[in-house]
N, C-alpha and C. Protein backbone atom coordinates (compact mmCIF):
# COMPACT_ATOMS: atom_id res chain seq x y z
N MET A 1 172.25 85.23 70.26
CA MET A 1 171.32 85.81 71.21
C MET A 1 170.25 86.58 70.42
N SER A 2 169.02 86.25 70.67
CA SER A 2 167.94 86.91 69.94
C SER A 2 167.51 88.17 70.68
N VAL A 3 167.07 89.14 69.89
CA VAL A 3 166.59 90.39 70.46
C VAL A 3 165.07 90.28 70.62
N THR A 4 164.58 90.52 71.80
CA THR A 4 163.14 90.49 72.04
C THR A 4 162.64 91.90 72.29
N ALA A 5 161.42 92.13 71.91
CA ALA A 5 160.83 93.45 72.11
C ALA A 5 160.56 93.64 73.61
N VAL A 6 160.97 94.76 74.08
CA VAL A 6 160.74 95.10 75.48
C VAL A 6 159.42 95.86 75.57
N MET A 7 158.55 95.36 76.40
CA MET A 7 157.23 95.98 76.55
C MET A 7 157.27 96.86 77.79
N THR A 8 157.23 98.16 77.58
CA THR A 8 157.23 99.08 78.70
C THR A 8 155.83 99.21 79.26
N ILE A 9 155.74 99.77 80.44
CA ILE A 9 154.43 100.00 81.05
C ILE A 9 153.61 100.92 80.14
N ALA A 10 154.26 101.95 79.60
CA ALA A 10 153.55 102.89 78.73
C ALA A 10 153.01 102.19 77.48
N ASN A 11 153.81 101.30 76.89
CA ASN A 11 153.33 100.57 75.71
C ASN A 11 152.14 99.69 76.04
N THR A 12 152.18 99.06 77.19
CA THR A 12 151.05 98.24 77.63
C THR A 12 149.81 99.10 77.82
N LEU A 13 149.98 100.27 78.43
CA LEU A 13 148.86 101.17 78.64
C LEU A 13 148.33 101.73 77.32
N LEU A 14 149.23 101.98 76.36
CA LEU A 14 148.80 102.45 75.05
C LEU A 14 147.93 101.41 74.34
N GLN A 15 148.33 100.15 74.43
CA GLN A 15 147.51 99.09 73.83
C GLN A 15 146.13 99.03 74.49
N GLU A 16 146.12 99.12 75.80
CA GLU A 16 144.85 99.11 76.54
C GLU A 16 144.00 100.32 76.17
N LEU A 17 144.63 101.48 76.04
CA LEU A 17 143.93 102.71 75.66
C LEU A 17 143.24 102.53 74.31
N GLU A 18 143.96 102.01 73.33
CA GLU A 18 143.39 101.83 71.99
C GLU A 18 142.20 100.86 72.02
N GLN A 19 142.33 99.80 72.77
CA GLN A 19 141.25 98.82 72.88
C GLN A 19 140.02 99.42 73.57
N GLU A 20 140.24 100.12 74.67
CA GLU A 20 139.13 100.72 75.40
C GLU A 20 138.48 101.86 74.61
N ALA A 21 139.29 102.59 73.85
CA ALA A 21 138.76 103.70 73.04
C ALA A 21 137.76 103.18 72.01
N GLN A 22 138.04 102.01 71.44
CA GLN A 22 137.11 101.43 70.47
C GLN A 22 135.77 101.10 71.12
N THR A 23 135.83 100.51 72.30
CA THR A 23 134.60 100.16 73.03
C THR A 23 133.84 101.43 73.43
N THR A 24 134.56 102.41 73.93
CA THR A 24 133.94 103.67 74.35
C THR A 24 133.28 104.36 73.16
N ARG A 25 133.95 104.34 72.02
CA ARG A 25 133.38 104.94 70.79
C ARG A 25 132.05 104.27 70.44
N ARG A 26 132.00 102.95 70.51
CA ARG A 26 130.76 102.24 70.18
C ARG A 26 129.62 102.64 71.12
N VAL A 27 129.94 102.84 72.40
CA VAL A 27 128.92 103.27 73.36
C VAL A 27 128.46 104.69 73.05
N LEU A 28 129.41 105.60 72.84
CA LEU A 28 129.06 107.00 72.59
C LEU A 28 128.31 107.17 71.27
N GLU A 29 128.57 106.32 70.30
CA GLU A 29 127.85 106.39 69.02
C GLU A 29 126.36 106.12 69.21
N ARG A 30 126.01 105.46 70.29
CA ARG A 30 124.62 105.09 70.54
C ARG A 30 123.86 106.12 71.39
N VAL A 31 124.52 107.18 71.81
CA VAL A 31 123.84 108.23 72.57
C VAL A 31 123.01 109.04 71.57
N PRO A 32 121.70 109.06 71.75
CA PRO A 32 120.84 109.75 70.77
C PRO A 32 120.97 111.27 70.84
N ASP A 33 121.12 111.89 69.68
CA ASP A 33 121.26 113.35 69.59
C ASP A 33 120.13 114.10 70.31
N GLY A 34 118.92 113.65 70.18
CA GLY A 34 117.78 114.36 70.72
C GLY A 34 117.57 114.17 72.21
N LYS A 35 118.43 113.44 72.88
CA LYS A 35 118.24 113.14 74.31
C LYS A 35 119.38 113.63 75.20
N MET A 36 120.18 114.55 74.71
CA MET A 36 121.35 115.01 75.47
C MET A 36 120.97 115.68 76.79
N SER A 37 119.81 116.30 76.87
CA SER A 37 119.43 117.00 78.10
C SER A 37 118.63 116.10 79.06
N TRP A 38 118.36 114.85 78.67
CA TRP A 38 117.62 113.93 79.54
C TRP A 38 118.45 113.63 80.79
N ARG A 39 117.76 113.59 81.94
CA ARG A 39 118.40 113.29 83.22
C ARG A 39 117.75 112.07 83.84
N PRO A 40 118.55 111.11 84.33
CA PRO A 40 117.97 109.93 84.98
C PRO A 40 117.28 110.28 86.29
N HIS A 41 117.67 111.41 86.87
CA HIS A 41 117.09 111.89 88.13
C HIS A 41 117.29 113.39 88.15
N GLU A 42 116.41 114.11 88.80
CA GLU A 42 116.48 115.58 88.79
C GLU A 42 117.80 116.12 89.35
N LYS A 43 118.46 115.37 90.24
CA LYS A 43 119.73 115.81 90.81
C LYS A 43 120.94 115.31 90.02
N SER A 44 120.70 114.54 88.98
CA SER A 44 121.77 113.96 88.19
C SER A 44 122.24 114.90 87.09
N MET A 45 123.43 114.61 86.59
CA MET A 45 123.89 115.31 85.39
C MET A 45 123.05 114.82 84.22
N SER A 46 123.01 115.61 83.17
CA SER A 46 122.26 115.20 81.98
C SER A 46 123.02 114.10 81.24
N LEU A 47 122.33 113.42 80.35
CA LEU A 47 122.96 112.39 79.53
C LEU A 47 124.13 112.98 78.74
N GLY A 48 123.95 114.19 78.21
CA GLY A 48 125.02 114.84 77.47
C GLY A 48 126.24 115.13 78.33
N GLN A 49 126.02 115.51 79.59
CA GLN A 49 127.14 115.76 80.51
C GLN A 49 127.83 114.45 80.89
N LEU A 50 127.04 113.43 81.19
CA LEU A 50 127.61 112.14 81.56
C LEU A 50 128.42 111.55 80.41
N ALA A 51 127.89 111.64 79.20
CA ALA A 51 128.59 111.12 78.03
C ALA A 51 129.86 111.92 77.75
N MET A 52 129.80 113.24 77.93
CA MET A 52 130.99 114.08 77.73
C MET A 52 132.05 113.73 78.75
N HIS A 53 131.65 113.46 79.98
CA HIS A 53 132.59 113.05 81.02
C HIS A 53 133.33 111.78 80.58
N ILE A 54 132.58 110.82 80.07
CA ILE A 54 133.18 109.56 79.59
C ILE A 54 134.14 109.84 78.45
N ALA A 55 133.74 110.72 77.53
CA ALA A 55 134.58 111.03 76.36
C ALA A 55 135.89 111.70 76.77
N GLN A 56 135.87 112.51 77.82
CA GLN A 56 137.05 113.27 78.21
C GLN A 56 137.93 112.56 79.24
N THR A 57 137.49 111.46 79.77
CA THR A 57 138.22 110.77 80.83
C THR A 57 139.60 110.26 80.42
N PRO A 58 139.81 109.65 79.26
CA PRO A 58 141.16 109.13 78.96
C PRO A 58 142.27 110.18 79.07
N GLY A 59 142.06 111.34 78.51
CA GLY A 59 143.07 112.39 78.58
C GLY A 59 143.28 112.90 80.00
N GLY A 60 142.19 113.03 80.74
CA GLY A 60 142.29 113.50 82.12
C GLY A 60 143.03 112.52 83.01
N VAL A 61 142.79 111.24 82.82
CA VAL A 61 143.46 110.23 83.63
C VAL A 61 144.95 110.18 83.28
N ALA A 62 145.27 110.24 81.99
CA ALA A 62 146.68 110.23 81.58
C ALA A 62 147.41 111.46 82.10
N GLU A 63 146.75 112.60 82.07
CA GLU A 63 147.33 113.83 82.59
C GLU A 63 147.62 113.68 84.09
N PHE A 64 146.70 113.10 84.81
CA PHE A 64 146.88 112.87 86.25
C PHE A 64 148.04 111.91 86.49
N ALA A 65 148.10 110.84 85.71
CA ALA A 65 149.16 109.84 85.88
C ALA A 65 150.54 110.41 85.59
N ALA A 66 150.62 111.44 84.75
CA ALA A 66 151.90 112.03 84.37
C ALA A 66 152.42 113.03 85.40
N ARG A 67 151.60 113.38 86.37
CA ARG A 67 152.04 114.32 87.40
C ARG A 67 153.19 113.70 88.18
N PRO A 68 154.18 114.52 88.55
CA PRO A 68 155.34 113.98 89.25
C PRO A 68 155.00 113.38 90.61
N SER A 69 154.08 113.97 91.32
CA SER A 69 153.72 113.46 92.63
C SER A 69 152.21 113.60 92.82
N PRO A 70 151.45 112.60 92.41
CA PRO A 70 149.98 112.71 92.52
C PRO A 70 149.51 112.61 93.96
N VAL A 71 149.57 113.74 94.64
CA VAL A 71 149.19 113.76 96.05
C VAL A 71 147.70 114.03 96.21
N GLU A 72 147.18 114.93 95.40
CA GLU A 72 145.77 115.28 95.54
C GLU A 72 144.93 114.59 94.46
N ALA A 73 143.70 114.42 94.76
CA ALA A 73 142.77 113.78 93.81
C ALA A 73 142.61 114.67 92.58
N PRO A 74 142.41 114.06 91.42
CA PRO A 74 142.23 114.87 90.21
C PRO A 74 140.95 115.69 90.29
N ASN A 75 140.98 116.82 89.63
CA ASN A 75 139.82 117.69 89.59
C ASN A 75 139.13 117.52 88.24
N PHE A 76 138.04 116.81 88.21
CA PHE A 76 137.24 116.67 87.01
C PHE A 76 136.10 117.68 87.10
N PRO A 77 136.23 118.83 86.44
CA PRO A 77 135.16 119.82 86.52
C PRO A 77 133.88 119.28 85.88
N LEU A 78 132.77 119.86 86.27
CA LEU A 78 131.49 119.47 85.70
C LEU A 78 131.57 119.64 84.18
N PRO A 79 131.37 118.57 83.43
CA PRO A 79 131.51 118.67 81.98
C PRO A 79 130.37 119.48 81.35
N GLN A 80 130.69 120.09 80.23
CA GLN A 80 129.66 120.77 79.46
C GLN A 80 128.71 119.72 78.89
N GLU A 81 127.52 120.11 78.59
CA GLU A 81 126.56 119.18 78.00
C GLU A 81 126.81 119.10 76.51
N ALA A 82 127.05 117.91 76.02
CA ALA A 82 127.24 117.71 74.58
C ALA A 82 125.95 118.05 73.86
N GLN A 83 126.08 118.57 72.67
CA GLN A 83 124.91 118.90 71.86
C GLN A 83 124.61 117.85 70.81
N SER A 84 125.59 116.97 70.55
CA SER A 84 125.39 115.95 69.52
C SER A 84 126.34 114.78 69.74
N THR A 85 126.03 113.68 69.10
CA THR A 85 126.90 112.51 69.14
C THR A 85 128.23 112.84 68.47
N THR A 86 128.18 113.62 67.41
CA THR A 86 129.40 114.03 66.71
C THR A 86 130.35 114.77 67.66
N GLU A 87 129.78 115.65 68.48
CA GLU A 87 130.60 116.39 69.45
C GLU A 87 131.22 115.44 70.47
N LEU A 88 130.47 114.43 70.89
CA LEU A 88 131.01 113.44 71.83
C LEU A 88 132.18 112.68 71.22
N LEU A 89 132.02 112.26 69.98
CA LEU A 89 133.07 111.49 69.32
C LEU A 89 134.32 112.34 69.08
N GLN A 90 134.12 113.61 68.78
CA GLN A 90 135.26 114.52 68.60
C GLN A 90 135.99 114.70 69.94
N ALA A 91 135.23 114.84 71.02
CA ALA A 91 135.84 114.98 72.35
C ALA A 91 136.61 113.72 72.72
N LEU A 92 136.06 112.55 72.39
CA LEU A 92 136.76 111.29 72.66
C LEU A 92 138.06 111.24 71.87
N ASP A 93 138.00 111.57 70.59
CA ASP A 93 139.21 111.56 69.75
C ASP A 93 140.28 112.47 70.32
N GLU A 94 139.90 113.67 70.75
CA GLU A 94 140.85 114.62 71.32
C GLU A 94 141.42 114.10 72.64
N SER A 95 140.58 113.49 73.45
CA SER A 95 141.02 112.97 74.74
C SER A 95 141.97 111.79 74.56
N VAL A 96 141.66 110.90 73.64
CA VAL A 96 142.53 109.75 73.37
C VAL A 96 143.86 110.22 72.80
N ALA A 97 143.83 111.21 71.91
CA ALA A 97 145.08 111.76 71.35
C ALA A 97 145.94 112.36 72.45
N LYS A 98 145.31 113.07 73.38
CA LYS A 98 146.02 113.67 74.51
C LYS A 98 146.65 112.57 75.36
N ALA A 99 145.89 111.52 75.66
CA ALA A 99 146.40 110.41 76.46
C ALA A 99 147.53 109.70 75.73
N ARG A 100 147.38 109.51 74.44
CA ARG A 100 148.41 108.87 73.63
C ARG A 100 149.72 109.67 73.68
N THR A 101 149.62 110.99 73.54
CA THR A 101 150.80 111.86 73.58
C THR A 101 151.49 111.77 74.94
N ILE A 102 150.71 111.83 75.99
CA ILE A 102 151.28 111.76 77.34
C ILE A 102 151.93 110.42 77.59
N LEU A 103 151.25 109.33 77.24
CA LEU A 103 151.79 108.00 77.50
C LEU A 103 153.01 107.70 76.64
N THR A 104 153.04 108.21 75.43
CA THR A 104 154.19 107.98 74.55
C THR A 104 155.44 108.62 75.13
N GLY A 105 155.29 109.71 75.85
CA GLY A 105 156.42 110.40 76.44
C GLY A 105 156.89 109.81 77.77
N MET A 106 156.22 108.80 78.26
CA MET A 106 156.58 108.22 79.56
C MET A 106 157.48 107.00 79.37
N ASP A 107 158.29 106.74 80.38
CA ASP A 107 159.08 105.50 80.40
C ASP A 107 158.83 104.83 81.75
N ASP A 108 159.35 103.63 81.90
CA ASP A 108 159.09 102.90 83.13
C ASP A 108 159.64 103.61 84.36
N ALA A 109 160.73 104.33 84.22
CA ALA A 109 161.31 105.05 85.36
C ALA A 109 160.38 106.14 85.85
N SER A 110 159.71 106.83 84.90
CA SER A 110 158.81 107.89 85.31
C SER A 110 157.46 107.35 85.74
N SER A 111 157.15 106.10 85.40
CA SER A 111 155.89 105.48 85.76
C SER A 111 155.92 104.88 87.15
N ALA A 112 157.11 104.66 87.67
CA ALA A 112 157.24 103.98 88.96
C ALA A 112 156.93 104.89 90.11
């Protein structure tokens, strides 16, 4: 009898996280440092805020998914405006690390 690797939901999500993080990094690397305060519309968030929101989303979503009973919608506070592309990439790295830690601690029983 051969032993096959069991793919848990968390492992599948971790693979997806790593793949999406690479794509997100490439997008955030293209946000120009000198345009962080640019707004597509006067009522919109700035480019720096929108990009920071994207950078912080993986950790926030993983944190929400780890809640025992997600009854209420997640609270994504208005993000701070990034001052540089470097700051965006650091925020992404921290967010992905947070998501990785949360997902690594989950099993299929807690994911159901």
